[in-house]
Amino acid sequence: CWQTMAFLMSEVLELDVRPQLSKFAQTPGSYSEVYAYLRDRTRAVRADLQLQQPGVSSTPEFLRSHECCLRFELLSRFLLTGTEGYDEKLGTEAIPQ
């Protein structure tokens, strides 16, 4: 899960401002599009972590992955609050997960 989060945050997060660095982005998109894609992927990572063994919740990988999801949601809330298409309630619900 941590490797997935590291890839998403290093390769996908900045596609709206630096699409030339990506191997798979054809055209620059807005941060709203990047957010929608990453939100789905981070939700899947969080679900994966919850389904793993109960003892895994204190491992460094688990904590780093959740911290990364939290930082992503907080950054997105800051950047997207007040923009069309951003649901603040969904973003707030993702924070404690």
Protein backbone atom coordinates (compact mmCIF):
# COMPACT_ATOMS: atom_id res chain seq x y z
CA CYS A 1 0.00 0.00 0.00
CA TRP A 2 2.79 2.43 0.80
CA GLN A 3 4.42 1.89 -2.59
CA THR A 4 1.10 2.70 -4.26
CA MET A 5 0.73 5.89 -2.22
CA ALA A 6 4.31 6.93 -2.94
CA PHE A 7 3.74 6.43 -6.67
CA LEU A 8 0.46 8.34 -6.66
CA MET A 9 1.88 11.28 -4.76
CA SER A 10 5.12 11.47 -6.73
CA GLU A 11 3.84 10.73 -10.25
CA VAL A 12 0.20 11.82 -10.33
CA LEU A 13 -0.34 14.62 -7.81
CA GLU A 14 1.30 17.38 -9.85
CA LEU A 15 -0.07 16.46 -13.28
CA ASP A 16 -2.06 19.69 -13.39
CA VAL A 17 1.08 21.85 -13.13
CA ARG A 18 3.80 19.61 -14.60
CA PRO A 19 2.27 17.20 -17.13
CA GLN A 20 5.54 17.00 -19.08
CA LEU A 21 7.06 14.93 -16.26
CA SER A 22 4.46 12.23 -16.58
CA LYS A 23 4.84 9.12 -18.69
CA PHE A 24 1.08 8.73 -19.13
CA ALA A 25 -0.60 12.17 -19.19
CA GLN A 26 -1.34 13.39 -22.67
CA THR A 27 -2.76 16.81 -21.86
CA PRO A 28 -2.69 18.89 -18.70
CA GLY A 29 -5.81 18.62 -16.62
CA SER A 30 -7.16 20.66 -13.77
CA TYR A 31 -6.47 19.84 -10.15
CA SER A 32 -10.14 18.87 -9.84
CA GLU A 33 -9.54 16.05 -12.33
CA VAL A 34 -6.37 14.98 -10.56
CA TYR A 35 -8.24 15.09 -7.23
CA ALA A 36 -11.08 12.92 -8.53
CA TYR A 37 -8.62 10.30 -9.78
CA LEU A 38 -6.48 10.34 -6.63
CA ARG A 39 -9.47 10.34 -4.30
CA ASP A 40 -10.67 7.07 -5.83
CA ARG A 41 -7.22 5.54 -5.55
CA THR A 42 -6.55 6.70 -1.99
CA ARG A 43 -9.97 5.41 -0.94
CA ALA A 44 -9.01 2.00 -2.35
CA VAL A 45 -5.71 2.08 -0.45
CA ARG A 46 -7.51 2.94 2.80
CA ALA A 47 -10.01 0.13 2.23
CA ASP A 48 -7.14 -2.26 1.54
CA LEU A 49 -5.44 -1.28 4.77
CA GLN A 50 -8.64 -1.77 6.76
CA LEU A 51 -9.13 -5.27 5.34
CA GLN A 52 -5.65 -6.43 6.27
CA GLN A 53 -4.96 -8.19 9.54
CA PRO A 54 -5.95 -6.30 12.72
CA GLY A 55 -2.34 -6.17 13.95
CA VAL A 56 -1.19 -4.25 10.90
CA SER A 57 -2.63 -0.92 12.12
CA SER A 58 0.53 -0.06 14.05
CA THR A 59 3.07 -0.80 11.34
CA PRO A 60 5.07 2.05 9.79
CA GLU A 61 3.60 1.27 6.34
CA PHE A 62 0.04 1.62 7.66
CA LEU A 63 0.80 4.88 9.45
CA ARG A 64 2.69 6.41 6.50
CA SER A 65 -0.09 5.47 4.09
CA HIS A 66 -2.78 7.01 6.29
CA GLU A 67 -0.70 10.11 6.91
CA CYS A 68 -0.22 10.52 3.17
CA CYS A 69 -4.00 10.20 2.59
CA LEU A 70 -4.66 12.76 5.31
CA ARG A 71 -2.19 15.25 3.87
CA PHE A 72 -3.65 14.78 0.40
CA GLU A 73 -7.20 15.43 1.65
CA LEU A 74 -6.12 18.52 3.60
CA LEU A 75 -4.20 19.92 0.63
CA SER A 76 -7.15 19.27 -1.66
CA ARG A 77 -9.57 20.88 0.74
CA PHE A 78 -7.38 23.98 0.82
CA LEU A 79 -7.02 24.13 -2.98
CA LEU A 80 -10.57 23.21 -3.94
CA THR A 81 -12.82 24.81 -1.33
CA GLY A 82 -15.22 27.09 -3.13
CA THR A 83 -14.63 25.59 -6.56
CA GLU A 84 -17.33 23.99 -8.63
CA GLY A 85 -17.64 20.25 -8.28
CA TYR A 86 -15.82 19.91 -4.94
CA ASP A 87 -17.92 18.40 -2.19
CA GLU A 88 -16.51 19.56 1.11
CA LYS A 89 -18.55 16.97 2.99
CA LEU A 90 -16.92 14.08 1.10
CA GLY A 91 -13.47 15.52 1.71
CA THR A 92 -14.19 15.94 5.41
CA GLU A 93 -15.51 12.38 5.67
CA ALA A 94 -12.31 10.98 4.17
CA ILE A 95 -10.09 12.62 6.79
CA PRO A 96 -10.84 10.33 9.78
CA GLN A 97 -10.90 7.13 7.72
